[in-house]
Protein backbone atom coordinates (compact mmCIF):
# COMPACT_ATOMS: atom_id res chain seq x y z
CA MET A 1 211.34 101.99 159.16
CA ASN A 2 213.09 101.10 162.38
CA LEU A 3 214.67 104.43 163.11
CA THR A 4 213.14 104.64 166.70
CA ALA A 5 214.44 101.15 167.70
CA LEU A 6 218.02 102.00 166.95
CA LEU A 7 217.66 105.56 168.62
CA LEU A 8 216.57 103.80 171.89
CA ALA A 9 219.76 101.34 171.55
CA ARG A 10 221.73 104.60 171.62
CA GLN A 11 220.02 105.67 174.56
CA THR A 12 219.93 102.65 176.48
CA ALA A 13 223.81 102.52 175.63
CA GLY A 14 224.13 106.20 177.17
CA ARG A 15 225.28 107.46 173.46
CA PRO A 16 222.63 109.82 172.49
CA VAL A 17 222.80 111.41 168.70
CA ARG A 18 224.43 114.67 169.46
CA VAL A 19 223.90 117.67 167.04
CA GLY A 20 224.48 120.89 166.57
CA LEU A 21 222.45 123.79 164.64
CA ILE A 22 223.45 126.49 162.72
CA GLY A 23 220.74 129.04 162.41
CA ALA A 24 218.02 129.48 165.23
CA GLY A 25 215.32 130.57 162.38
CA LYS A 26 211.90 129.17 161.91
CA PHE A 27 213.09 125.82 160.65
CA GLY A 28 215.28 125.75 163.29
CA SER A 29 213.19 126.68 165.54
CA MET A 30 210.80 123.51 164.48
CA PHE A 31 213.54 121.34 164.57
CA LEU A 32 214.37 122.27 168.32
CA ALA A 33 210.72 122.23 169.34
CA GLN A 34 211.15 118.43 168.50
CA VAL A 35 214.11 117.80 170.41
CA PRO A 36 212.94 117.59 173.88
CA HIS A 37 210.34 115.04 172.91
CA THR A 38 213.09 112.36 171.32
CA PRO A 39 214.82 110.23 173.55
CA GLY A 40 218.32 109.72 172.44
CA LEU A 41 218.55 112.90 170.41
CA GLU A 42 220.17 115.94 172.09
CA VAL A 43 221.46 119.36 170.68
CA ALA A 44 224.49 120.08 171.99
CA ALA A 45 225.35 123.70 170.61
CA ILE A 46 223.98 126.28 168.71
CA ALA A 47 225.27 128.73 166.40
CA ASP A 48 223.62 131.92 165.37
CA LEU A 49 224.63 135.69 164.96
CA SER A 50 222.47 136.57 167.44
CA VAL A 51 222.79 134.24 170.96
CA ASP A 52 219.97 136.07 173.01
CA ARG A 53 217.82 135.43 169.75
CA ALA A 54 218.83 131.31 169.68
CA ARG A 55 218.12 131.59 173.54
CA GLY A 56 214.85 133.34 172.89
CA ALA A 57 214.07 130.38 170.30
CA CYS A 58 214.62 128.22 172.26
CA ARG A 59 212.21 129.35 175.30
CA THR A 60 209.54 130.14 172.58
CA VAL A 61 209.41 126.65 171.65
CA GLY A 62 209.32 125.42 174.80
CA TRP A 63 212.81 124.25 176.14
CA ASP A 64 213.52 124.55 180.01
CA ASP A 65 215.62 126.70 181.99
CA ASP A 66 217.98 123.04 182.65
CA ARG A 67 217.92 122.14 178.97
CA ILE A 68 219.11 125.62 178.07
CA ALA A 69 221.77 125.66 180.26
CA ALA A 70 223.19 122.61 179.25
CA THR A 71 223.39 123.63 175.44
CA ALA A 72 226.59 125.91 174.23
CA PHE A 73 225.62 128.88 172.44
CA VAL A 74 227.94 130.57 169.69
CA GLU A 75 227.78 133.39 167.40
CA ASP A 76 230.38 131.46 164.88
CA GLY A 77 229.18 128.34 163.11
CA ALA A 78 232.80 127.50 162.07
CA GLU A 79 233.49 126.90 165.58
CA LEU A 80 230.51 125.21 166.17
CA CYS A 81 231.42 122.55 163.35
CA ARG A 82 234.83 122.05 165.25
CA ARG A 83 233.54 120.97 168.39
CA ASP A 84 234.35 117.14 169.27
CA ASP A 85 231.02 116.41 171.11
CA LEU A 86 228.94 116.39 167.86
CA GLU A 87 227.85 113.66 165.08
CA VAL A 88 225.70 115.99 162.80
CA VAL A 89 225.47 119.61 162.16
CA VAL A 90 222.40 120.95 160.41
CA GLU A 91 222.81 124.10 158.70
CA ALA A 92 219.94 126.46 158.55
CA THR A 93 220.80 129.85 157.72
CA GLY A 94 219.52 130.03 154.63
CA HIS A 95 222.85 132.10 152.87
CA PRO A 96 224.59 129.96 150.41
CA ALA A 97 228.37 131.32 151.08
CA ALA A 98 228.01 130.47 155.36
CA GLY A 99 226.39 127.55 153.76
CA ILE A 100 229.52 126.38 151.67
CA ALA A 101 231.70 127.83 154.37
CA HIS A 102 229.98 125.81 156.80
CA ALA A 103 229.61 122.18 155.27
CA LEU A 104 233.26 122.46 154.08
CA GLU A 105 234.29 123.08 157.94
CA GLY A 106 232.33 120.37 159.07
CA MET A 107 232.73 117.77 156.83
CA ALA A 108 236.80 118.40 157.27
CA HIS A 109 236.23 117.58 161.17
CA GLY A 110 234.20 114.48 160.50
CA LYS A 111 230.64 115.80 160.76
CA HIS A 112 227.68 114.40 158.76
CA MET A 113 225.99 117.71 157.19
CA VAL A 114 222.34 117.95 156.94
CA MET A 115 221.63 121.09 154.41
CA VAL A 116 218.43 123.15 155.30
CA ASN A 117 220.56 125.40 153.31
CA VAL A 118 218.97 124.39 149.60
CA GLU A 119 220.67 127.56 148.27
CA ALA A 120 224.19 126.58 149.46
CA ASP A 121 223.24 122.87 147.66
CA VAL A 122 222.37 124.20 144.21
CA LEU A 123 225.07 126.72 144.36
CA ALA A 124 228.02 123.87 144.14
CA GLY A 125 226.16 120.65 145.82
CA ALA A 126 228.09 118.43 143.20
CA ALA A 127 231.58 119.40 144.56
CA LEU A 128 230.54 119.57 148.20
CA ALA A 129 229.12 115.83 147.84
CA ALA A 130 232.13 114.94 146.66
CA ARG A 131 234.52 115.96 149.57
CA ALA A 132 231.57 114.05 151.76
CA LYS A 133 232.69 110.97 150.06
CA ARG A 134 236.00 111.37 150.46
CA ALA A 135 235.65 112.28 154.19
CA GLY A 136 233.25 109.53 154.60
CA VAL A 137 230.59 111.21 156.13
CA VAL A 138 226.81 111.91 155.15
CA TYR A 139 225.89 114.97 153.06
CA SER A 140 222.09 115.23 153.21
CA MET A 141 218.87 117.13 152.09
CA ALA A 142 216.76 117.99 155.07
CA TYR A 143 213.68 115.72 155.44
CA GLY A 144 210.72 117.60 155.90
CA ASP A 145 211.54 120.37 153.12
CA GLN A 146 210.00 119.70 149.73
CA PRO A 147 213.13 118.75 148.33
CA ALA A 148 213.68 115.41 150.41
CA LEU A 149 210.19 114.77 150.53
CA THR A 150 209.79 114.50 146.77
CA ALA A 151 213.47 112.63 146.44
CA GLU A 152 211.96 110.36 148.95
CA MET A 153 208.66 109.72 146.69
CA VAL A 154 211.09 109.14 143.52
CA ASP A 155 212.95 106.55 145.42
CA TRP A 156 209.75 104.80 146.48
CA ALA A 157 208.44 104.87 142.45
CA ARG A 158 211.99 103.72 141.08
CA ALA A 159 212.36 100.67 144.02
CA CYS A 160 208.98 99.57 143.13
CA GLY A 161 209.75 99.46 140.01
CA PHE A 162 207.83 102.38 138.40
CA GLU A 163 209.08 104.74 135.89
CA VAL A 164 208.93 108.06 137.24
CA VAL A 165 207.53 110.72 134.76
CA ALA A 166 207.54 113.87 136.52
CA ALA A 167 207.99 114.73 140.03
CA GLY A 168 208.02 118.41 142.17
CA LYS A 169 205.59 120.13 144.55
CA GLY A 170 202.85 122.72 144.58
CA THR A 171 203.04 126.52 144.64
CA LYS A 172 200.97 129.74 144.66
CA TYR A 173 201.81 131.20 141.08
CA LEU A 174 200.86 133.62 138.68
CA PRO A 175 203.32 134.77 135.85
CA ALA A 176 203.23 138.32 137.33
CA TYR A 177 204.89 136.97 140.36
CA HIS A 178 208.20 136.77 138.77
CA HIS A 179 208.34 140.96 138.61
CA VAL A 180 206.71 141.34 142.35
CA THR A 181 209.58 142.91 145.18
CA PRO A 182 209.59 142.86 148.74
CA ASP A 183 207.66 146.38 148.60
CA ASP A 184 204.38 144.92 147.22
CA VAL A 185 204.70 141.33 148.48
CA TRP A 186 202.22 141.25 151.03
CA GLU A 187 199.45 142.55 148.97
CA HIS A 188 199.93 138.79 147.37
CA TYR A 189 199.68 137.09 150.61
CA GLY A 190 196.56 139.24 151.93
CA LEU A 191 198.95 140.99 154.69
CA THR A 192 199.38 144.72 155.57
CA PRO A 193 203.00 145.23 155.85
CA GLU A 194 202.26 146.22 159.54
CA ALA A 195 200.57 142.94 160.21
CA ALA A 196 203.77 140.90 158.33
CA ALA A 197 206.17 143.54 160.47
CA ALA A 198 204.41 142.67 163.78
CA ALA A 199 204.69 138.94 163.10
CA GLY A 200 208.56 139.20 161.98
CA MET A 201 208.18 138.33 158.41
CA ASN A 202 211.14 138.95 156.24
CA PRO A 203 209.54 140.43 152.94
CA GLN A 204 212.81 139.44 150.83
CA MET A 205 212.59 135.99 151.95
CA PHE A 206 208.90 135.76 151.44
CA ASN A 207 209.15 137.12 148.43
CA SER A 208 211.26 134.54 147.27
CA PHE A 209 208.45 131.91 147.93
CA LEU A 210 206.60 133.97 145.84
CA ASP A 211 208.56 134.89 142.69
CA GLY A 212 209.78 131.89 141.22
CA THR A 213 213.28 131.80 143.07
CA LYS A 214 212.60 129.46 145.56
CA SER A 215 210.74 126.97 143.17
CA ALA A 216 213.45 127.04 140.29
CA ILE A 217 216.39 126.68 144.06
CA GLU A 218 214.25 123.27 145.32
CA MET A 219 213.31 121.70 141.65
CA ALA A 220 217.22 121.70 141.01
CA ALA A 221 217.98 120.62 143.99
CA ILE A 222 215.53 117.77 143.04
CA ALA A 223 217.01 117.02 139.55
CA ASN A 224 220.50 117.20 140.93
CA ALA A 225 219.68 114.46 143.38
CA CYS A 226 217.51 112.29 141.68
CA GLY A 227 218.98 112.39 138.37
CA LEU A 228 215.66 113.96 136.55
CA ALA A 229 215.54 116.45 133.50
CA VAL A 230 214.86 120.43 133.75
CA PRO A 231 212.82 121.67 131.36
CA ALA A 232 214.52 123.57 128.72
CA ASP A 233 212.36 126.86 129.16
CA GLY A 234 212.35 126.94 132.89
CA LEU A 235 208.92 125.81 135.15
CA GLY A 236 205.76 125.92 133.54
CA PHE A 237 204.16 126.07 136.74
CA PRO A 238 200.91 124.47 134.99
CA PRO A 239 197.81 124.81 136.84
CA CYS A 240 196.95 121.10 138.35
CA GLY A 241 194.98 119.95 141.46
CA VAL A 242 195.86 116.82 142.71
CA ASP A 243 193.25 114.52 140.97
CA ASP A 244 194.62 115.68 137.49
CA LEU A 245 198.44 115.16 138.21
CA ALA A 246 198.60 112.21 135.93
CA HIS A 247 196.50 113.58 133.54
CA VAL A 248 198.38 116.87 132.95
CA LEU A 249 202.28 115.88 134.08
CA ARG A 250 202.95 113.42 131.03
CA PRO A 251 204.75 113.72 127.79
CA ARG A 252 202.55 116.01 125.58
CA ALA A 253 202.61 113.22 123.10
CA GLU A 254 200.31 111.79 125.57
CA GLY A 255 198.35 114.98 125.67
CA GLY A 256 200.50 116.51 128.85
CA VAL A 257 202.06 119.38 129.23
CA LEU A 258 205.55 117.74 129.53
CA ALA A 259 208.55 118.07 126.93
CA ASP A 260 209.86 114.47 127.80
CA SER A 261 209.40 111.72 130.43
CA GLY A 262 211.37 112.15 133.79
CA THR A 263 211.46 115.71 134.58
CA VAL A 264 210.81 118.00 137.55
CA GLU A 265 208.08 120.44 137.31
CA VAL A 266 205.72 122.67 139.63
CA VAL A 267 202.33 122.69 139.71
CA SER A 268 200.16 125.98 140.76
CA SER A 269 197.26 126.17 143.01
CA LEU A 270 196.00 128.97 141.13
CA GLU A 271 194.18 129.23 137.46
CA ARG A 272 196.06 131.73 135.18
CA ASP A 273 192.86 134.05 136.04
CA GLY A 274 193.32 133.86 139.81
CA ARG A 275 190.58 131.58 140.11
CA PRO A 276 191.78 128.79 142.88
CA VAL A 277 192.41 125.14 141.68
CA PHE A 278 190.01 122.63 143.15
CA ARG A 279 191.76 120.64 145.43
CA ASP A 280 195.12 122.14 144.95
CA LEU A 281 198.66 120.88 145.83
CA ARG A 282 200.00 124.39 147.18
CA TRP A 283 201.76 122.65 150.42
CA GLY A 284 202.80 119.31 149.00
CA VAL A 285 204.78 117.52 146.60
CA TYR A 286 203.86 114.83 144.19
CA VAL A 287 205.27 112.11 141.88
CA VAL A 288 203.75 110.84 138.38
CA LEU A 289 204.62 107.44 137.46
CA LYS A 290 203.95 104.98 134.59
CA ALA A 291 202.84 101.73 135.12
CA PRO A 292 205.29 99.14 133.26
CA ASN A 293 202.86 96.45 131.80
CA ASP A 294 198.73 96.11 131.30
CA TYR A 295 198.59 94.12 134.63
CA ALA A 296 200.79 96.85 136.75
CA ALA A 297 197.80 99.46 135.02
CA ALA A 298 194.77 97.07 136.06
CA CYS A 299 195.95 97.51 139.57
CA PHE A 300 195.88 100.98 139.66
CA ARG A 301 192.48 101.11 138.82
CA GLN A 302 191.61 98.35 141.28
CA TYR A 303 192.91 100.41 143.78
CA GLY A 304 191.61 103.67 143.41
CA LEU A 305 194.47 106.10 141.88
CA LYS A 306 193.87 108.47 139.78
CA THR A 307 194.94 108.09 136.02
CA ASP A 308 194.72 109.34 132.84
CA ALA A 309 192.52 108.15 130.58
CA SER A 310 194.80 105.47 129.31
CA GLY A 311 195.34 104.34 132.98
CA ARG A 312 198.64 103.83 132.36
CA TYR A 313 199.63 107.20 134.14
CA ALA A 314 199.28 107.38 137.97
CA ALA A 315 200.01 110.04 140.57
CA MET A 316 200.90 109.42 144.47
CA TYR A 317 201.40 112.57 146.53
CA LYS A 318 201.74 114.70 150.06
CA PRO A 319 199.53 117.15 150.30
CA PHE A 320 201.47 118.97 153.28
CA HIS A 321 205.15 119.42 154.28
CA LEU A 322 206.04 120.15 158.18
CA ILE A 323 209.52 121.75 157.56
CA GLY A 324 211.20 121.22 160.60
CA LEU A 325 208.75 119.16 162.79
CA GLU A 326 210.46 116.31 160.45
CA LEU A 327 213.75 117.23 160.35
CA ASN A 328 214.63 114.16 162.88
CA ILE A 329 214.34 111.87 160.21
CA SER A 330 217.62 113.26 158.34
CA VAL A 331 219.58 113.85 161.51
CA LEU A 332 218.69 110.01 162.42
CA ASN A 333 219.51 108.29 159.35
CA ALA A 334 222.86 110.08 158.91
CA ALA A 335 223.72 109.16 162.70
CA LEU A 336 222.43 105.89 162.74
CA ARG A 337 222.29 104.25 159.42
CA GLY A 338 225.09 106.54 157.57
CA GLU A 339 222.37 107.01 155.00
CA PRO A 340 221.32 110.87 153.52
CA THR A 341 217.31 111.42 152.88
CA GLY A 342 218.69 112.43 149.36
CA ALA A 343 221.44 114.22 148.24
CA THR A 344 223.12 115.52 145.29
CA GLY A 345 224.42 112.91 142.65
CA GLY A 346 225.19 115.20 139.79
CA PHE A 347 224.85 118.86 138.64
CA ARG A 348 221.84 118.75 136.32
CA GLY A 349 219.71 121.65 137.23
CA ASP A 350 220.77 125.34 137.85
CA ALA A 351 219.10 128.41 139.65
CA VAL A 352 219.83 131.72 137.48
CA ALA A 353 219.56 134.97 137.97
CA CYS A 354 216.73 136.55 135.63
CA ALA A 355 216.49 140.71 135.66
CA LYS A 356 213.04 141.77 137.06
CA ARG A 357 213.10 145.14 135.20
CA ASP A 358 215.69 146.91 132.94
CA LEU A 359 218.83 146.91 134.89
CA LYS A 360 221.60 149.86 134.52
CA ALA A 361 225.00 149.84 134.92
CA GLY A 362 226.35 150.72 138.00
CA GLU A 363 223.43 148.86 139.88
CA THR A 364 224.19 146.34 142.73
CA LEU A 365 222.02 143.22 142.64
CA ASP A 366 220.34 141.98 145.92
CA GLY A 367 219.94 138.89 145.14
CA GLU A 368 216.70 136.22 146.50
CA GLY A 369 213.92 137.16 146.56
CA GLY A 370 215.04 141.07 145.84
CA HIS A 371 213.92 143.79 143.91
CA THR A 372 216.43 143.56 141.31
CA VAL A 373 216.60 139.21 140.13
CA TRP A 374 214.70 136.60 140.26
CA GLY A 375 216.03 132.69 140.19
CA ARG A 376 214.90 130.80 137.01
CA LEU A 377 214.97 126.80 136.84
CA ALA A 378 218.05 125.97 133.90
CA PRO A 379 219.57 122.93 132.14
CA ALA A 380 222.99 123.17 134.12
CA PRO A 381 224.77 122.40 130.77
CA VAL A 382 223.13 125.36 129.02
CA SER A 383 223.32 128.00 132.15
CA VAL A 384 227.24 126.72 132.09
CA THR A 385 227.49 127.16 128.38
CA GLU A 386 225.87 130.14 128.25
CA GLY A 387 227.61 132.15 131.44
CA TRP A 388 224.55 132.55 133.44
CA LEU A 389 225.23 133.44 137.26
CA PRO A 390 223.72 131.74 139.71
CA ILE A 391 221.01 133.07 141.84
CA GLY A 392 223.43 132.21 144.80
CA LEU A 393 226.09 134.88 143.87
CA ALA A 394 223.76 137.45 142.53
CA HIS A 395 223.92 139.28 145.88
CA GLY A 396 225.93 142.60 146.49
CA VAL A 397 227.51 142.59 143.36
CA ARG A 398 227.82 145.63 140.86
CA LEU A 399 226.63 145.49 137.16
CA ALA A 400 229.27 146.37 134.59
CA ARG A 401 226.65 147.09 131.42
CA ASP A 402 223.03 146.96 131.14
CA VAL A 403 220.81 143.89 131.32
CA PRO A 404 217.22 144.24 129.54
CA ALA A 405 214.13 142.65 131.65
CA ASP A 406 213.46 139.37 131.37
CA ARG A 407 217.14 138.10 130.29
CA PRO A 408 219.25 136.01 132.62
CA VAL A 409 222.23 137.61 134.19
CA GLY A 410 225.68 136.60 132.92
CA TRP A 411 229.00 136.58 134.82
CA ALA A 412 230.17 138.96 131.63
CA ASP A 413 227.37 141.34 132.58
CA LEU A 414 229.48 141.86 135.89
CA GLU A 415 232.41 144.11 137.40
CA ALA A 416 235.00 141.65 139.42
CA LEU A 417 233.35 138.79 141.86
CA PRO A 418 235.06 138.40 145.42
CA ASP A 419 237.76 135.67 145.00
CA ASN A 420 236.46 133.57 147.61
CA GLN A 421 235.30 130.23 148.50
CA ALA A 422 231.65 130.05 147.24
CA VAL A 423 232.97 130.93 143.75
CA ALA A 424 235.85 128.61 143.47
CA LEU A 425 233.24 125.87 144.89
CA ARG A 426 230.81 127.21 142.33
CA ARG A 427 233.51 127.23 139.47
CA GLU A 428 234.46 123.66 140.84
CA THR A 429 230.79 122.38 140.32
CA GLU A 430 230.79 124.03 137.04
CA ALA A 431 233.64 121.56 136.10
CA MET A 432 231.29 118.54 137.12
CA VAL A 433 228.14 119.33 134.99
CA THR A 434 225.86 116.37 133.97
CA PRO A 435 226.05 116.10 130.30
CA ALA A 436 222.11 116.53 128.88
CA GLY A 437 220.33 113.27 128.00
């Protein structure tokens, strides 16, 4: 709780925290918007495939000409990682293979890595975290994104002496969304394709939020960071508002929907018939906790927590997340404290590619948010044993045989994958799978 004081001391000493950003998209732009208002924090370099786009992003968020002129703009993220004038690198490309390459390059050059790129983390986070430990650098989730905010709440609950029963986030969900493609995504957002295009909105990216893929990726990241279990049958997306979290998200033996205590789950802001949930948590995160004794349970009631009927289960939640506007917390924790804001500790949860329709041999998968597959949450021991393909590698690869709708795609269903860094790191991660239980 003293990051501001630590940063002020660095500023006074003439040693600002110097950061490199890879990817000047929405998340990166929101981070850039805060930099001029954070004395002692500097972005020294920005890498983006379009340098002109990156400079334009800086102007859009309010950077003046002097600040832009003082910043190095490059196309190559690996080049940025090799710079000597950076302490922290923020990886915000959203591309799993690129994220892995940048993380390896950054850590090899002594940089703390803040991974906005949850896709890369879920694909190979255990192997990347092990390398960071050996290199003596921080490998961190990105504060402001829902996985890091959830991990913070889980840590708070445990540090207070509570049992964590469930943790996760809210989203807009209906079962039919798993089969939505970029061609029909905008009708579910209440937009026309023309309006979305005018706003610069990417249909495949926004479809990944809708079809369940992003939820699977983020819950896998939370499970891996917090040592939580993953539902055996994937996410259930129960409709639930904030007042009912402690009632719904408790074990089935207690009247809830969870198979077991200590698991991740996503709650829907829509009832199954499409009606809005009362006081939904669409933009937020939560943790359901259990009182360790009668005295603590009585305190829940005395201080107004929403509990289940027994009074032993209660929920804490944060209704919103501000993504890049909050990213400074990760950057400063890494540079000033040498600590992550959540980090992979094992390989418990995976996001696997599941067919959206009957797929035919010879078809090429188009990855997260696309026309062919959606990402389903799975226990990592199961996905590894069954040989299921991670969603992070399900782009630009061809099927060697048919895959029926709603079935996970397997490695054995593919023509040969490329022999590249991302595949190698994934195989290394699979060898580190955390046993169930």
